[in-house]
C-alpha atoms as a PDB file:
ATOM      1  CA  MET A   1       9.484 -32.364 -42.845  1.00  0.00           C
ATOM      2  CA  GLY A   2       6.187 -33.882 -41.753  1.00  0.00           C
ATOM      3  CA  GLY A   3       5.958 -32.259 -38.286  1.00  0.00           C
ATOM      4  CA  SER A   4       4.384 -28.982 -37.316  1.00  0.00           C
ATOM      5  CA  ALA A   5       6.219 -25.843 -38.291  1.00  0.00           C
ATOM      6  CA  VAL A   6       7.553 -23.614 -35.526  1.00  0.00           C
ATOM      7  CA  ASN A   7       6.870 -19.914 -35.877  1.00  0.00           C
ATOM      8  CA  TRP A   8      10.214 -18.564 -34.659  1.00  0.00           C
ATOM      9  CA  ILE A   9       9.144 -14.916 -34.839  1.00  0.00           C
ATOM     10  CA  GLU A  10       6.257 -15.485 -32.416  1.00  0.00           C
ATOM     11  CA  THR A  11       8.510 -17.583 -30.174  1.00  0.00           C
ATOM     12  CA  GLY A  12      11.085 -14.788 -30.140  1.00  0.00           C
ATOM     13  CA  ARG A  13       8.455 -12.190 -29.270  1.00  0.00           C
ATOM     14  CA  PHE A  14       7.217 -14.385 -26.421  1.00  0.00           C
ATOM     15  CA  PHE A  15      10.719 -14.683 -24.963  1.00  0.00           C
ATOM     16  CA  ILE A  16      11.300 -10.928 -25.266  1.00  0.00           C
ATOM     17  CA  MET A  17       8.034 -10.185 -23.439  1.00  0.00           C
ATOM     18  CA  ALA A  18       8.770 -12.826 -20.791  1.00  0.00           C
ATOM     19  CA  GLY A  19      12.241 -11.343 -20.263  1.00  0.00           C
ATOM     20  CA  ALA A  20      10.815  -7.835 -19.978  1.00  0.00           C
ATOM     21  CA  ALA A  21       8.291  -9.060 -17.410  1.00  0.00           C
ATOM     22  CA  ILE A  22      11.053 -10.700 -15.368  1.00  0.00           C
ATOM     23  CA  ILE A  23      13.091  -7.470 -15.457  1.00  0.00           C
ATOM     24  CA  VAL A  24      10.096  -5.420 -14.300  1.00  0.00           C
ATOM     25  CA  ILE A  25       9.359  -7.865 -11.472  1.00  0.00           C
ATOM     26  CA  GLY A  26      13.028  -7.755 -10.440  1.00  0.00           C
ATOM     27  CA  LEU A  27      13.002  -3.953 -10.401  1.00  0.00           C
ATOM     28  CA  ILE A  28       9.891  -3.996  -8.237  1.00  0.00           C
ATOM     29  CA  PHE A  29      11.668  -6.214  -5.710  1.00  0.00           C
ATOM     30  CA  VAL A  30      14.790  -4.021  -5.736  1.00  0.00           C
ATOM     31  CA  LEU A  31      12.834  -0.776  -5.353  1.00  0.00           C
ATOM     32  CA  SER A  32      10.196  -2.132  -2.957  1.00  0.00           C
ATOM     33  CA  ASP A  33      11.825  -0.507   0.082  1.00  0.00           C
ATOM     34  CA  LYS A  34      11.822   2.904  -1.598  1.00  0.00           C
ATOM     35  CA  ILE A  35       8.205   2.723  -2.859  1.00  0.00           C
ATOM     36  CA  PRO A  36       5.725   3.278  -0.022  1.00  0.00           C
ATOM     37  CA  LEU A  37       3.195   0.692  -1.241  1.00  0.00           C
ATOM     38  CA  GLY A  38       1.463  -0.730   1.784  1.00  0.00           C
ATOM     39  CA  ARG A  39       2.176   2.386   3.812  1.00  0.00           C
ATOM     40  CA  LEU A  40       0.040   4.887   1.916  1.00  0.00           C
ATOM     41  CA  PRO A  41      -2.462   7.177   3.615  1.00  0.00           C
ATOM     42  CA  GLY A  42      -5.713   5.258   3.409  1.00  0.00           C
ATOM     43  CA  ASP A  43      -4.204   1.870   4.256  1.00  0.00           C
ATOM     44  CA  LEU A  44      -5.791   0.768   7.496  1.00  0.00           C
ATOM     45  CA  GLN A  45      -4.125  -1.106  10.341  1.00  0.00           C
ATOM     46  CA  VAL A  46      -6.250  -2.210  13.247  1.00  0.00           C
ATOM     47  CA  GLY A  47      -5.050  -4.342  16.077  1.00  0.00           C
ATOM     48  CA  GLY A  48      -3.978  -4.803  19.613  1.00  0.00           C
ATOM     49  CA  GLU A  49      -1.354  -6.837  21.418  1.00  0.00           C
ATOM     50  CA  ARG A  50      -2.530 -10.218  20.173  1.00  0.00           C
ATOM     51  CA  PHE A  51      -3.791  -9.521  16.648  1.00  0.00           C
ATOM     52  CA  LYS A  52      -3.368  -7.173  13.740  1.00  0.00           C
ATOM     53  CA  ILE A  53      -5.639  -6.598  10.749  1.00  0.00           C
ATOM     54  CA  TYR A  54      -4.201  -4.839   7.720  1.00  0.00           C
ATOM     55  CA  ILE A  55      -6.521  -3.463   5.005  1.00  0.00           C
ATOM     56  CA  PRO A  56      -4.581  -1.885   2.081  1.00  0.00           C
ATOM     57  CA  ILE A  57      -7.382   0.216   0.543  1.00  0.00           C
ATOM     58  CA  ALA A  58      -5.263   3.010  -0.999  1.00  0.00           C
ATOM     59  CA  THR A  59      -2.606   0.575  -2.244  1.00  0.00           C
ATOM     60  CA  SER A  60      -5.272  -1.602  -3.883  1.00  0.00           C
ATOM     61  CA  ILE A  61      -6.825   1.377  -5.671  1.00  0.00           C
ATOM     62  CA  LEU A  62      -3.426   2.626  -6.893  1.00  0.00           C
ATOM     63  CA  LEU A  63      -2.367  -0.814  -8.168  1.00  0.00           C
ATOM     64  CA  SER A  64      -5.738  -1.247  -9.889  1.00  0.00           C
ATOM     65  CA  ILE A  65      -5.332   2.047 -11.744  1.00  0.00           C
ATOM     66  CA  VAL A  66      -1.735   1.300 -12.775  1.00  0.00           C
ATOM     67  CA  LEU A  67      -2.524  -2.237 -13.940  1.00  0.00           C
ATOM     68  CA  THR A  68      -5.572  -1.012 -15.895  1.00  0.00           C
ATOM     69  CA  ILE A  69      -3.415   1.508 -17.744  1.00  0.00           C
ATOM     70  CA  VAL A  70      -0.702  -1.074 -18.487  1.00  0.00           C
ATOM     71  CA  VAL A  71      -3.140  -3.740 -19.695  1.00  0.00           C
ATOM     72  CA  ASN A  72      -5.008  -1.244 -21.896  1.00  0.00           C
ATOM     73  CA  PHE A  73      -1.711  -0.059 -23.376  1.00  0.00           C
ATOM     74  CA  PHE A  74      -0.651  -3.577 -24.361  1.00  0.00           C
ATOM     75  CA  ALA A  75      -4.142  -4.752 -25.380  1.00  0.00           C
ATOM     76  CA  ARG A  76      -4.570  -2.060 -28.059  1.00  0.00           C
ATOM     77  CA  LYS A  77      -3.679  -3.045 -31.550  1.00  0.00           C
END
């Protein structure tokens, strides 16, 4: 027919990857109480009675390393 052709294989792969991402995000929410992210040694909390400043240095470094590994794994062809 005259319209554009749909590449169903690529569409299927997209939905599989999107579903996997949703599952991973859901697992992170379920396990978030058991994983001490935000409470690692190296995360700074400064404050008094009226204010609190939270600086997650160690958590930021750990997440950066993990995300770099994951992105490099999926970016390789």
